[in-house]
Every structure is written in C-alpha cells, then in structure tokens.
Amino acid sequence: MSCRWRWGVADCCASACDVFEAWHGIDPMRPLRGRYSGPVQAAQIITEAGGMATLAASLAAQAGLRPGIGGAGEIGVRDGCLVVAPAPGEWWGKTISGFSINRDVEVSWRA
C-alpha cells in the first residue's frame, strides 16, 4: 500500500487484494487483473457489475470467501473502495493521496 496510486495495479482495490493475498494466499481480484488501467475502465466494470458492493461480493464468492464478522484479516467495502482489517474494528485502505484508517465497513469477507 505504500507505493503511488496506479489504476489496476496499486489502487484501492488492487492494493487491498494484494494485502489479503499476502495474508491468506487468495487473490479475490484475480479475475479483474489486467482488465483496467484507468478510472473510466474501472467505473465501467463496477457499473456493469451493479456497484462496488455487488462486484466485491461476486469476486469474494468466486474466491471461496465467507461472509465476514469484522475480524482481523478480513477484506471489506467502505465508501466504494476495498479495505483490509489488520485488527478487529480497524480497516485500512489506499487512497489517491495516501492511506486511510476507518472503524467500520459496509460488508466484509474472510478466508
């Protein structure tokens, strides 16, 4: 998450999935790798899927993830971005300008 923002490589979704893969050996974003390189392409994918939460749920299901409980090691959706939980109730995410720490998510999944 410390490298500069690059759509499709080091954006909020790719970075969170990279962390999740490092923790669990599962890349929830595998089906989307290499499919977008800018905000317009990303928005098209998200829109066609029915929104970020729907897209994330589909990717989580494809990866064999289970519904989360807000625990450490989970991946979730917050404000249209993917975030990861290094500890219960603490969600980290990459932003265009850096990094965010949040206390809750809309939905999450676990390995």
PDB file of N, CA and C in Angstrom:
ATOM      1  N   MET A   1       0.810  -1.204   0.000  1.00  0.00           N
ATOM      2  CA  MET A   1       0.000   0.000   0.000  1.00  0.00           C
ATOM      3  C   MET A   1       0.853   1.268   0.000  1.00  0.00           C
ATOM      4  N   SER A   2       2.144   1.143   0.146  1.00  0.00           N
ATOM      5  CA  SER A   2       2.973   2.333   0.252  1.00  0.00           C
ATOM      6  C   SER A   2       3.388   2.928  -1.089  1.00  0.00           C
ATOM      7  N   CYS A   3       3.197   2.203  -2.193  1.00  0.00           N
ATOM      8  CA  CYS A   3       3.586   2.757  -3.491  1.00  0.00           C
ATOM      9  C   CYS A   3       2.527   3.732  -3.994  1.00  0.00           C
ATOM     10  N   ARG A   4       2.898   4.531  -4.995  1.00  0.00           N
ATOM     11  CA  ARG A   4       1.961   5.535  -5.509  1.00  0.00           C
ATOM     12  C   ARG A   4       0.800   4.862  -6.247  1.00  0.00           C
ATOM     13  N   TRP A   5      -0.321   5.551  -6.302  1.00  0.00           N
ATOM     14  CA  TRP A   5      -1.553   5.069  -6.928  1.00  0.00           C
ATOM     15  C   TRP A   5      -1.318   4.786  -8.407  1.00  0.00           C
ATOM     16  N   ARG A   6      -1.724   3.609  -8.858  1.00  0.00           N
ATOM     17  CA  ARG A   6      -1.741   3.247 -10.278  1.00  0.00           C
ATOM     18  C   ARG A   6      -2.973   2.400 -10.516  1.00  0.00           C
ATOM     19  N   TRP A   7      -3.857   2.888 -11.369  1.00  0.00           N
ATOM     20  CA  TRP A   7      -5.093   2.169 -11.652  1.00  0.00           C
ATOM     21  C   TRP A   7      -4.800   0.750 -12.117  1.00  0.00           C
ATOM     22  N   GLY A   8      -5.489  -0.213 -11.512  1.00  0.00           N
ATOM     23  CA  GLY A   8      -5.361  -1.613 -11.887  1.00  0.00           C
ATOM     24  C   GLY A   8      -4.160  -2.323 -11.307  1.00  0.00           C
ATOM     25  N   VAL A   9      -3.243  -1.574 -10.732  1.00  0.00           N
ATOM     26  CA  VAL A   9      -2.011  -2.151 -10.182  1.00  0.00           C
ATOM     27  C   VAL A   9      -1.867  -1.830  -8.700  1.00  0.00           C
ATOM     28  N   ALA A  10      -2.045  -0.573  -8.354  1.00  0.00           N
ATOM     29  CA  ALA A  10      -1.895  -0.129  -6.966  1.00  0.00           C
ATOM     30  C   ALA A  10      -2.967   0.913  -6.654  1.00  0.00           C
ATOM     31  N   ASP A  11      -4.222   0.524  -6.855  1.00  0.00           N
ATOM     32  CA  ASP A  11      -5.349   1.379  -6.491  1.00  0.00           C
ATOM     33  C   ASP A  11      -5.968   0.810  -5.215  1.00  0.00           C
ATOM     34  N   CYS A  12      -7.105   1.332  -4.791  1.00  0.00           N
ATOM     35  CA  CYS A  12      -7.681   0.869  -3.524  1.00  0.00           C
ATOM     36  C   CYS A  12      -8.048  -0.617  -3.572  1.00  0.00           C
ATOM     37  N   CYS A  13      -8.533  -1.075  -4.700  1.00  0.00           N
ATOM     38  CA  CYS A  13      -8.951  -2.483  -4.796  1.00  0.00           C
ATOM     39  C   CYS A  13      -7.756  -3.420  -4.943  1.00  0.00           C
ATOM     40  N   ALA A  14      -6.877  -3.110  -5.889  1.00  0.00           N
ATOM     41  CA  ALA A  14      -5.713  -3.972  -6.120  1.00  0.00           C
ATOM     42  C   ALA A  14      -4.836  -4.056  -4.871  1.00  0.00           C
ATOM     43  N   SER A  15      -4.636  -2.940  -4.206  1.00  0.00           N
ATOM     44  CA  SER A  15      -3.778  -2.929  -3.010  1.00  0.00           C
ATOM     45  C   SER A  15      -4.373  -3.752  -1.877  1.00  0.00           C
ATOM     46  N   ALA A  16      -5.670  -3.585  -1.631  1.00  0.00           N
ATOM     47  CA  ALA A  16      -6.323  -4.373  -0.574  1.00  0.00           C
ATOM     48  C   ALA A  16      -6.251  -5.863  -0.896  1.00  0.00           C
ATOM     49  N   CYS A  17      -6.450  -6.212  -2.161  1.00  0.00           N
ATOM     50  CA  CYS A  17      -6.387  -7.627  -2.551  1.00  0.00           C
ATOM     51  C   CYS A  17      -4.966  -8.164  -2.470  1.00  0.00           C
ATOM     52  N   ASP A  18      -3.975  -7.319  -2.744  1.00  0.00           N
ATOM     53  CA  ASP A  18      -2.579  -7.738  -2.581  1.00  0.00           C
ATOM     54  C   ASP A  18      -2.289  -8.080  -1.123  1.00  0.00           C
ATOM     55  N   VAL A  19      -2.769  -7.240  -0.209  1.00  0.00           N
ATOM     56  CA  VAL A  19      -2.576  -7.497   1.220  1.00  0.00           C
ATOM     57  C   VAL A  19      -3.300  -8.778   1.624  1.00  0.00           C
ATOM     58  N   PHE A  20      -4.548  -8.916   1.198  1.00  0.00           N
ATOM     59  CA  PHE A  20      -5.333 -10.111   1.531  1.00  0.00           C
ATOM     60  C   PHE A  20      -4.627 -11.369   1.012  1.00  0.00           C
ATOM     61  N   GLU A  21      -4.087 -11.292  -0.197  1.00  0.00           N
ATOM     62  CA  GLU A  21      -3.368 -12.443  -0.752  1.00  0.00           C
ATOM     63  C   GLU A  21      -2.109 -12.750   0.056  1.00  0.00           C
ATOM     64  N   ALA A  22      -1.402 -11.724   0.493  1.00  0.00           N
ATOM     65  CA  ALA A  22      -0.214 -11.942   1.326  1.00  0.00           C
ATOM     66  C   ALA A  22      -0.584 -12.629   2.637  1.00  0.00           C
ATOM     67  N   TRP A  23      -1.726 -12.276   3.202  1.00  0.00           N
ATOM     68  CA  TRP A  23      -2.174 -12.877   4.461  1.00  0.00           C
ATOM     69  C   TRP A  23      -2.697 -14.297   4.285  1.00  0.00           C
ATOM     70  N   HIS A  24      -3.452 -14.544   3.200  1.00  0.00           N
ATOM     71  CA  HIS A  24      -4.199 -15.796   3.076  1.00  0.00           C
ATOM     72  C   HIS A  24      -3.885 -16.640   1.846  1.00  0.00           C
ATOM     73  N   GLY A  25      -3.098 -16.107   0.912  1.00  0.00           N
ATOM     74  CA  GLY A  25      -2.793 -16.845  -0.304  1.00  0.00           C
ATOM     75  C   GLY A  25      -3.942 -16.865  -1.296  1.00  0.00           C
ATOM     76  N   ILE A  26      -4.901 -15.966  -1.139  1.00  0.00           N
ATOM     77  CA  ILE A  26      -6.075 -15.884  -2.021  1.00  0.00           C
ATOM     78  C   ILE A  26      -6.152 -14.465  -2.579  1.00  0.00           C
ATOM     79  N   ASP A  27      -6.238 -14.346  -3.902  1.00  0.00           N
ATOM     80  CA  ASP A  27      -6.388 -13.042  -4.542  1.00  0.00           C
ATOM     81  C   ASP A  27      -7.828 -12.898  -5.032  1.00  0.00           C
ATOM     82  N   PRO A  28      -8.688 -12.213  -4.274  1.00  0.00           N
ATOM     83  CA  PRO A  28     -10.078 -12.064  -4.696  1.00  0.00           C
ATOM     84  C   PRO A  28     -10.226 -11.317  -6.022  1.00  0.00           C
ATOM     85  N   MET A  29      -9.219 -10.554  -6.405  1.00  0.00           N
ATOM     86  CA  MET A  29      -9.308  -9.730  -7.599  1.00  0.00           C
ATOM     87  C   MET A  29      -8.727 -10.410  -8.845  1.00  0.00           C
ATOM     88  N   ARG A  30      -8.309 -11.629  -8.716  1.00  0.00           N
ATOM     89  CA  ARG A  30      -7.666 -12.322  -9.841  1.00  0.00           C
ATOM     90  C   ARG A  30      -8.433 -12.175 -11.161  1.00  0.00           C
ATOM     91  N   PRO A  31      -9.773 -12.327 -11.191  1.00  0.00           N
ATOM     92  CA  PRO A  31     -10.491 -12.208 -12.469  1.00  0.00           C
ATOM     93  C   PRO A  31     -10.408 -10.823 -13.117  1.00  0.00           C
ATOM     94  N   LEU A  32     -10.056  -9.799 -12.345  1.00  0.00           N
ATOM     95  CA  LEU A  32     -10.005  -8.442 -12.892  1.00  0.00           C
ATOM     96  C   LEU A  32      -8.592  -7.950 -13.182  1.00  0.00           C
ATOM     97  N   ARG A  33      -7.591  -8.696 -12.793  1.00  0.00           N
ATOM     98  CA  ARG A  33      -6.212  -8.252 -13.020  1.00  0.00           C
ATOM     99  C   ARG A  33      -5.964  -8.063 -14.515  1.00  0.00           C
ATOM    100  N   GLY A  34      -5.432  -6.900 -14.860  1.00  0.00           N
ATOM    101  CA  GLY A  34      -5.124  -6.594 -16.245  1.00  0.00           C
ATOM    102  C   GLY A  34      -6.303  -6.136 -17.086  1.00  0.00           C
ATOM    103  N   ARG A  35      -7.488  -6.016 -16.500  1.00  0.00           N
ATOM    104  CA  ARG A  35      -8.682  -5.637 -17.266  1.00  0.00           C
ATOM    105  C   ARG A  35      -8.966  -4.138 -17.271  1.00  0.00           C
ATOM    106  N   TYR A  36      -8.249  -3.361 -16.454  1.00  0.00           N
ATOM    107  CA  TYR A  36      -8.460  -1.913 -16.479  1.00  0.00           C
ATOM    108  C   TYR A  36      -7.167  -1.199 -16.116  1.00  0.00           C
ATOM    109  N   SER A  37      -7.022   0.010 -16.654  1.00  0.00           N
ATOM    110  CA  SER A  37      -5.815   0.786 -16.368  1.00  0.00           C
ATOM    111  C   SER A  37      -6.125   2.261 -16.153  1.00  0.00           C
ATOM    112  N   GLY A  38      -7.393   2.563 -15.953  1.00  0.00           N
ATOM    113  CA  GLY A  38      -7.786   3.945 -15.710  1.00  0.00           C
ATOM    114  C   GLY A  38      -9.134   4.010 -15.034  1.00  0.00           C
ATOM    115  N   PRO A  39      -9.528   5.205 -14.615  1.00  0.00           N
ATOM    116  CA  PRO A  39     -10.774   5.357 -13.877  1.00  0.00           C
ATOM    117  C   PRO A  39     -12.022   5.059 -14.704  1.00  0.00           C
ATOM    118  N   VAL A  40     -12.000   5.355 -15.990  1.00  0.00           N
ATOM    119  CA  VAL A  40     -13.174   5.101 -16.831  1.00  0.00           C
ATOM    120  C   VAL A  40     -13.395   3.597 -16.963  1.00  0.00           C
ATOM    121  N   GLN A  41     -12.320   2.846 -17.226  1.00  0.00           N
ATOM    122  CA  GLN A  41     -12.447   1.391 -17.330  1.00  0.00           C
ATOM    123  C   GLN A  41     -12.887   0.783 -16.004  1.00  0.00           C
ATOM    124  N   ALA A  42     -12.331   1.255 -14.910  1.00  0.00           N
ATOM    125  CA  ALA A  42     -12.724   0.753 -13.589  1.00  0.00           C
ATOM    126  C   ALA A  42     -14.200   1.025 -13.330  1.00  0.00           C
ATOM    127  N   ALA A  43     -14.644   2.238 -13.638  1.00  0.00           N
ATOM    128  CA  ALA A  43     -16.053   2.597 -13.436  1.00  0.00           C
ATOM    129  C   ALA A  43     -16.976   1.732 -14.290  1.00  0.00           C
ATOM    130  N   GLN A  44     -16.554   1.417 -15.504  1.00  0.00           N
ATOM    131  CA  GLN A  44     -17.367   0.551 -16.370  1.00  0.00           C
ATOM    132  C   GLN A  44     -17.541  -0.828 -15.749  1.00  0.00           C
ATOM    133  N   ILE A  45     -16.468  -1.390 -15.252  1.00  0.00           N
ATOM    134  CA  ILE A  45     -16.522  -2.723 -14.634  1.00  0.00           C
ATOM    135  C   ILE A  45     -17.442  -2.691 -13.419  1.00  0.00           C
ATOM    136  N   ILE A  46     -17.286  -1.681 -12.591  1.00  0.00           N
ATOM    137  CA  ILE A  46     -18.104  -1.559 -11.377  1.00  0.00           C
ATOM    138  C   ILE A  46     -19.578  -1.366 -11.736  1.00  0.00           C
ATOM    139  N   THR A  47     -19.850  -0.502 -12.695  1.00  0.00           N
ATOM    140  CA  THR A  47     -21.235  -0.239 -13.117  1.00  0.00           C
ATOM    141  C   THR A  47     -21.874  -1.485 -13.713  1.00  0.00           C
ATOM    142  N   GLU A  48     -21.153  -2.165 -14.594  1.00  0.00           N
ATOM    143  CA  GLU A  48     -21.695  -3.376 -15.219  1.00  0.00           C
ATOM    144  C   GLU A  48     -21.998  -4.464 -14.195  1.00  0.00           C
ATOM    145  N   ALA A  49     -21.246  -4.476 -13.091  1.00  0.00           N
ATOM    146  CA  ALA A  49     -21.464  -5.474 -12.042  1.00  0.00           C
ATOM    147  C   ALA A  49     -22.611  -5.098 -11.105  1.00  0.00           C
ATOM    148  N   GLY A  50     -23.085  -3.848 -11.189  1.00  0.00           N
ATOM    149  CA  GLY A  50     -24.176  -3.416 -10.314  1.00  0.00           C
ATOM    150  C   GLY A  50     -23.713  -2.661  -9.087  1.00  0.00           C
ATOM    151  N   GLY A  51     -22.484  -2.163  -9.098  1.00  0.00           N
ATOM    152  CA  GLY A  51     -21.937  -1.407  -7.975  1.00  0.00           C
ATOM    153  C   GLY A  51     -20.786  -2.138  -7.306  1.00  0.00           C
ATOM    154  N   MET A  52     -20.044  -1.407  -6.512  1.00  0.00           N
ATOM    155  CA  MET A  52     -18.851  -1.971  -5.874  1.00  0.00           C
ATOM    156  C   MET A  52     -19.191  -3.103  -4.916  1.00  0.00           C
ATOM    157  N   ALA A  53     -20.225  -2.943  -4.104  1.00  0.00           N
ATOM    158  CA  ALA A  53     -20.565  -3.999  -3.144  1.00  0.00           C
ATOM    159  C   ALA A  53     -20.953  -5.284  -3.866  1.00  0.00           C
ATOM    160  N   THR A  54     -21.707  -5.153  -4.961  1.00  0.00           N
ATOM    161  CA  THR A  54     -22.112  -6.332  -5.735  1.00  0.00           C
ATOM    162  C   THR A  54     -20.909  -6.969  -6.409  1.00  0.00           C
ATOM    163  N   LEU A  55     -20.044  -6.150  -6.991  1.00  0.00           N
ATOM    164  CA  LEU A  55     -18.827  -6.667  -7.623  1.00  0.00           C
ATOM    165  C   LEU A  55     -17.950  -7.375  -6.597  1.00  0.00           C
ATOM    166  N   ALA A  56     -17.750  -6.758  -5.452  1.00  0.00           N
ATOM    167  CA  ALA A  56     -16.920  -7.359  -4.407  1.00  0.00           C
ATOM    168  C   ALA A  56     -17.520  -8.676  -3.918  1.00  0.00           C
ATOM    169  N   ALA A  57     -18.827  -8.723  -3.767  1.00  0.00           N
ATOM    170  CA  ALA A  57     -19.485  -9.961  -3.326  1.00  0.00           C
ATOM    171  C   ALA A  57     -19.288 -11.071  -4.349  1.00  0.00           C
ATOM    172  N   SER A  58     -19.390 -10.733  -5.619  1.00  0.00           N
ATOM    173  CA  SER A  58     -19.184 -11.717  -6.677  1.00  0.00           C
ATOM    174  C   SER A  58     -17.748 -12.237  -6.671  1.00  0.00           C
ATOM    175  N   LEU A  59     -16.789 -11.325  -6.560  1.00  0.00           N
ATOM    176  CA  LEU A  59     -15.379 -11.732  -6.522  1.00  0.00           C
ATOM    177  C   LEU A  59     -15.079 -12.571  -5.276  1.00  0.00           C
ATOM    178  N   ALA A  60     -15.663 -12.185  -4.145  1.00  0.00           N
ATOM    179  CA  ALA A  60     -15.464 -12.948  -2.907  1.00  0.00           C
ATOM    180  C   ALA A  60     -16.008 -14.363  -3.058  1.00  0.00           C
ATOM    181  N   ALA A  61     -17.192 -14.487  -3.659  1.00  0.00           N
ATOM    182  CA  ALA A  61     -17.788 -15.811  -3.864  1.00  0.00           C
ATOM    183  C   ALA A  61     -16.924 -16.656  -4.789  1.00  0.00           C
ATOM    184  N   GLN A  62     -16.442 -16.055  -5.876  1.00  0.00           N
ATOM    185  CA  GLN A  62     -15.577 -16.774  -6.809  1.00  0.00           C
ATOM    186  C   GLN A  62     -14.293 -17.250  -6.138  1.00  0.00           C
ATOM    187  N   ALA A  63     -13.805 -16.473  -5.168  1.00  0.00           N
ATOM    188  CA  ALA A  63     -12.569 -16.817  -4.453  1.00  0.00           C
ATOM    189  C   ALA A  63     -12.822 -17.780  -3.292  1.00  0.00           C
ATOM    190  N   GLY A  64     -14.098 -18.108  -3.037  1.00  0.00           N
ATOM    191  CA  GLY A  64     -14.426 -19.030  -1.959  1.00  0.00           C
ATOM    192  C   GLY A  64     -14.406 -18.410  -0.576  1.00  0.00           C
ATOM    193  N   LEU A  65     -14.555 -17.083  -0.510  1.00  0.00           N
ATOM    194  CA  LEU A  65     -14.559 -16.404   0.788  1.00  0.00           C
ATOM    195  C   LEU A  65     -15.923 -16.528   1.450  1.00  0.00           C
ATOM    196  N   ARG A  66     -15.922 -16.397   2.769  1.00  0.00           N
ATOM    197  CA  ARG A  66     -17.151 -16.470   3.560  1.00  0.00           C
ATOM    198  C   ARG A  66     -17.511 -15.082   4.073  1.00  0.00           C
ATOM    199  N   PRO A  67     -18.768 -14.866   4.417  1.00  0.00           N
ATOM    200  CA  PRO A  67     -19.140 -13.564   4.993  1.00  0.00           C
ATOM    201  C   PRO A  67     -18.280 -13.250   6.211  1.00  0.00           C
ATOM    202  N   GLY A  68     -17.902 -12.005   6.321  1.00  0.00           N
ATOM    203  CA  GLY A  68     -17.046 -11.580   7.422  1.00  0.00           C
ATOM    204  C   GLY A  68     -17.817 -11.260   8.684  1.00  0.00           C
ATOM    205  N   ILE A  69     -17.048 -11.126   9.757  1.00  0.00           N
ATOM    206  CA  ILE A  69     -17.616 -10.780  11.061  1.00  0.00           C
ATOM    207  C   ILE A  69     -16.932  -9.544  11.648  1.00  0.00           C
ATOM    208  N   GLY A  70     -16.120  -8.876  10.784  1.00  0.00           N
ATOM    209  CA  GLY A  70     -15.397  -7.690  11.249  1.00  0.00           C
ATOM    210  C   GLY A  70     -14.093  -8.018  11.936  1.00  0.00           C
ATOM    211  N   GLY A  71     -13.574  -9.205  11.699  1.00  0.00           N
ATOM    212  CA  GLY A  71     -12.353  -9.633  12.370  1.00  0.00           C
ATOM    213  C   GLY A  71     -11.081  -9.309  11.615  1.00  0.00           C
ATOM    214  N   ALA A  72      -9.982  -9.465  12.291  1.00  0.00           N
ATOM    215  CA  ALA A  72      -8.666  -9.255  11.692  1.00  0.00           C
ATOM    216  C   ALA A  72      -8.487 -10.187  10.498  1.00  0.00           C
ATOM    217  N   GLY A  73      -7.847  -9.673   9.461  1.00  0.00           N
ATOM    218  CA  GLY A  73      -7.560 -10.471   8.282  1.00  0.00           C
ATOM    219  C   GLY A  73      -8.649 -10.459   7.240  1.00  0.00           C
ATOM    220  N   GLU A  74      -9.701  -9.714   7.459  1.00  0.00           N
ATOM    221  CA  GLU A  74     -10.804  -9.670   6.503  1.00  0.00           C
ATOM    222  C   GLU A  74     -10.593  -8.579   5.459  1.00  0.00           C
ATOM    223  N   ILE A  75     -11.354  -8.677   4.383  1.00  0.00           N
ATOM    224  CA  ILE A  75     -11.393  -7.644   3.342  1.00  0.00           C
ATOM    225  C   ILE A  75     -12.829  -7.150   3.274  1.00  0.00           C
ATOM    226  N   GLY A  76     -13.008  -5.856   3.058  1.00  0.00           N
ATOM    227  CA  GLY A  76     -14.353  -5.305   3.061  1.00  0.00           C
ATOM    228  C   GLY A  76     -14.507  -4.132   2.124  1.00  0.00           C
ATOM    229  N   VAL A  77     -15.729  -3.620   2.047  1.00  0.00           N
ATOM    230  CA  VAL A  77     -16.051  -2.459   1.218  1.00  0.00           C
ATOM    231  C   VAL A  77     -16.382  -1.287   2.125  1.00  0.00           C
ATOM    232  N   ARG A  78     -15.756  -0.162   1.817  1.00  0.00           N
ATOM    233  CA  ARG A  78     -16.023   1.089   2.541  1.00  0.00           C
ATOM    234  C   ARG A  78     -16.010   2.225   1.524  1.00  0.00           C
ATOM    235  N   ASP A  79     -17.110   2.947   1.413  1.00  0.00           N
ATOM    236  CA  ASP A  79     -17.201   4.105   0.515  1.00  0.00           C
ATOM    237  C   ASP A  79     -16.736   3.785  -0.902  1.00  0.00           C
ATOM    238  N   GLY A  80     -17.126   2.629  -1.430  1.00  0.00           N
ATOM    239  CA  GLY A  80     -16.792   2.268  -2.797  1.00  0.00           C
ATOM    240  C   GLY A  80     -15.385   1.774  -3.017  1.00  0.00           C
ATOM    241  N   CYS A  81     -14.657   1.509  -1.948  1.00  0.00           N
ATOM    242  CA  CYS A  81     -13.279   1.019  -2.048  1.00  0.00           C
ATOM    243  C   CYS A  81     -13.127  -0.261  -1.238  1.00  0.00           C
ATOM    244  N   LEU A  82     -12.137  -1.045  -1.594  1.00  0.00           N
ATOM    245  CA  LEU A  82     -11.816  -2.216  -0.783  1.00  0.00           C
ATOM    246  C   LEU A  82     -10.810  -1.821   0.287  1.00  0.00           C
ATOM    247  N   VAL A  83     -10.994  -2.373   1.467  1.00  0.00           N
ATOM    248  CA  VAL A  83     -10.125  -2.113   2.609  1.00  0.00           C
ATOM    249  C   VAL A  83      -9.842  -3.440   3.311  1.00  0.00           C
ATOM    250  N   VAL A  84      -8.796  -3.480   4.113  1.00  0.00           N
ATOM    251  CA  VAL A  84      -8.449  -4.696   4.849  1.00  0.00           C
ATOM    252  C   VAL A  84      -8.378  -4.396   6.342  1.00  0.00           C
ATOM    253  N   ALA A  85      -8.596  -5.438   7.149  1.00  0.00           N
ATOM    254  CA  ALA A  85      -8.605  -5.278   8.607  1.00  0.00           C
ATOM    255  C   ALA A  85      -7.381  -5.946   9.225  1.00  0.00           C
ATOM    256  N   PRO A  86      -6.412  -5.158   9.669  1.00  0.00           N
ATOM    257  CA  PRO A  86      -5.277  -5.747  10.371  1.00  0.00           C
ATOM    258  C   PRO A  86      -5.638  -6.130  11.809  1.00  0.00           C
ATOM    259  N   ALA A  87      -6.717  -5.541  12.314  1.00  0.00           N
ATOM    260  CA  ALA A  87      -7.199  -5.818  13.674  1.00  0.00           C
ATOM    261  C   ALA A  87      -8.717  -5.626  13.668  1.00  0.00           C
ATOM    262  N   PRO A  88      -9.423  -6.241  14.611  1.00  0.00           N
ATOM    263  CA  PRO A  88     -10.880  -6.055  14.660  1.00  0.00           C
ATOM    264  C   PRO A  88     -11.250  -4.574  14.775  1.00  0.00           C
ATOM    265  N   GLY A  89     -12.184  -4.141  13.938  1.00  0.00           N
ATOM    266  CA  GLY A  89     -12.665  -2.765  14.002  1.00  0.00           C
ATOM    267  C   GLY A  89     -11.709  -1.735  13.451  1.00  0.00           C
ATOM    268  N   GLU A  90     -10.667  -2.152  12.753  1.00  0.00           N
ATOM    269  CA  GLU A  90      -9.715  -1.222  12.147  1.00  0.00           C
ATOM    270  C   GLU A  90      -9.537  -1.616  10.686  1.00  0.00           C
ATOM    271  N   TRP A  91      -9.922  -0.733   9.791  1.00  0.00           N
ATOM    272  CA  TRP A  91      -9.906  -1.015   8.355  1.00  0.00           C
ATOM    273  C   TRP A  91      -8.979  -0.050   7.644  1.00  0.00           C
ATOM    274  N   TRP A  92      -8.011  -0.584   6.916  1.00  0.00           N
ATOM    275  CA  TRP A  92      -7.022   0.226   6.215  1.00  0.00           C
ATOM    276  C   TRP A  92      -7.280   0.181   4.723  1.00  0.00           C
ATOM    277  N   GLY A  93      -7.120   1.327   4.069  1.00  0.00           N
ATOM    278  CA  GLY A  93      -7.305   1.381   2.635  1.00  0.00           C
ATOM    279  C   GLY A  93      -6.396   2.386   1.967  1.00  0.00           C
ATOM    280  N   LYS A  94      -6.095   2.126   0.716  1.00  0.00           N
ATOM    281  CA  LYS A  94      -5.283   3.033  -0.084  1.00  0.00           C
ATOM    282  C   LYS A  94      -6.195   4.107  -0.663  1.00  0.00           C
ATOM    283  N   THR A  95      -5.712   5.336  -0.680  1.00  0.00           N
ATOM    284  CA  THR A  95      -6.417   6.437  -1.311  1.00  0.00           C
ATOM    285  C   THR A  95      -5.504   7.057  -2.360  1.00  0.00           C
ATOM    286  N   ILE A  96      -6.078   7.865  -3.224  1.00  0.00           N
ATOM    287  CA  ILE A  96      -5.261   8.514  -4.254  1.00  0.00           C
ATOM    288  C   ILE A  96      -4.165   9.348  -3.620  1.00  0.00           C
ATOM    289  N   SER A  97      -4.456   9.962  -2.489  1.00  0.00           N
ATOM    290  CA  SER A  97      -3.468  10.822  -1.844  1.00  0.00           C
ATOM    291  C   SER A  97      -2.678  10.120  -0.731  1.00  0.00           C
ATOM    292  N   GLY A  98      -2.938   8.843  -0.486  1.00  0.00           N
ATOM    293  CA  GLY A  98      -2.183   8.162   0.572  1.00  0.00           C
ATOM    294  C   GLY A  98      -2.879   6.949   1.143  1.00  0.00           C
ATOM    295  N   PHE A  99      -3.386   7.093   2.361  1.00  0.00           N
ATOM    296  CA  PHE A  99      -3.836   5.948   3.143  1.00  0.00           C
ATOM    297  C   PHE A  99      -4.955   6.386   4.070  1.00  0.00           C
ATOM    298  N   SER A 100      -5.928   5.504   4.309  1.00  0.00           N
ATOM    299  CA  SER A 100      -6.999   5.842   5.250  1.00  0.00           C
ATOM    300  C   SER A 100      -7.141   4.741   6.297  1.00  0.00           C
ATOM    301  N   ILE A 101      -7.563   5.138   7.467  1.00  0.00           N
ATOM    302  CA  ILE A 101      -7.877   4.194   8.535  1.00  0.00           C
ATOM    303  C   ILE A 101      -9.319   4.462   8.934  1.00  0.00           C
ATOM    304  N   ASN A 102     -10.125   3.402   8.922  1.00  0.00           N
ATOM    305  CA  ASN A 102     -11.554   3.533   9.203  1.00  0.00           C
ATOM    306  C   ASN A 102     -11.944   2.586  10.327  1.00  0.00           C
ATOM    307  N   ARG A 103     -13.098   2.817  10.911  1.00  0.00           N
ATOM    308  CA  ARG A 103     -13.575   1.992  12.024  1.00  0.00           C
ATOM    309  C   ARG A 103     -14.642   0.982  11.624  1.00  0.00           C
ATOM    310  N   ASP A 104     -15.228   1.140  10.428  1.00  0.00           N
ATOM    311  CA  ASP A 104     -16.282   0.206  10.031  1.00  0.00           C
ATOM    312  C   ASP A 104     -16.313   0.043   8.516  1.00  0.00           C
ATOM    313  N   VAL A 105     -17.062  -0.946   8.062  1.00  0.00           N
ATOM    314  CA  VAL A 105     -17.235  -1.224   6.643  1.00  0.00           C
ATOM    315  C   VAL A 105     -18.707  -1.534   6.383  1.00  0.00           C
ATOM    316  N   GLU A 106     -19.064  -1.524   5.116  1.00  0.00           N
ATOM    317  CA  GLU A 106     -20.437  -1.859   4.732  1.00  0.00           C
ATOM    318  C   GLU A 106     -20.656  -3.370   4.772  1.00  0.00           C
ATOM    319  N   VAL A 107     -19.641  -4.105   4.313  1.00  0.00           N
ATOM    320  CA  VAL A 107     -19.712  -5.567   4.244  1.00  0.00           C
ATOM    321  C   VAL A 107     -18.281  -6.091   4.193  1.00  0.00           C
ATOM    322  N   SER A 108     -18.072  -7.312   4.697  1.00  0.00           N
ATOM    323  CA  SER A 108     -16.716  -7.873   4.659  1.00  0.00           C
ATOM    324  C   SER A 108     -16.764  -9.390   4.425  1.00  0.00           C
ATOM    325  N   TRP A 109     -15.587  -9.931   4.107  1.00  0.00           N
ATOM    326  CA  TRP A 109     -15.440 -11.367   3.862  1.00  0.00           C
ATOM    327  C   TRP A 109     -14.146 -11.849   4.499  1.00  0.00           C
ATOM    328  N   ARG A 110     -14.118 -13.156   4.769  1.00  0.00           N
ATOM    329  CA  ARG A 110     -12.943 -13.773   5.385  1.00  0.00           C
ATOM    330  C   ARG A 110     -12.578 -15.036   4.620  1.00  0.00           C
ATOM    331  N   ALA A 111     -11.336 -15.434   4.791  1.00  0.00           N
ATOM    332  CA  ALA A 111     -10.851 -16.652   4.118  1.00  0.00           C
ATOM    333  C   ALA A 111     -11.453 -17.879   4.745  1.00  0.00           C
TER     334      ALA A 111
END
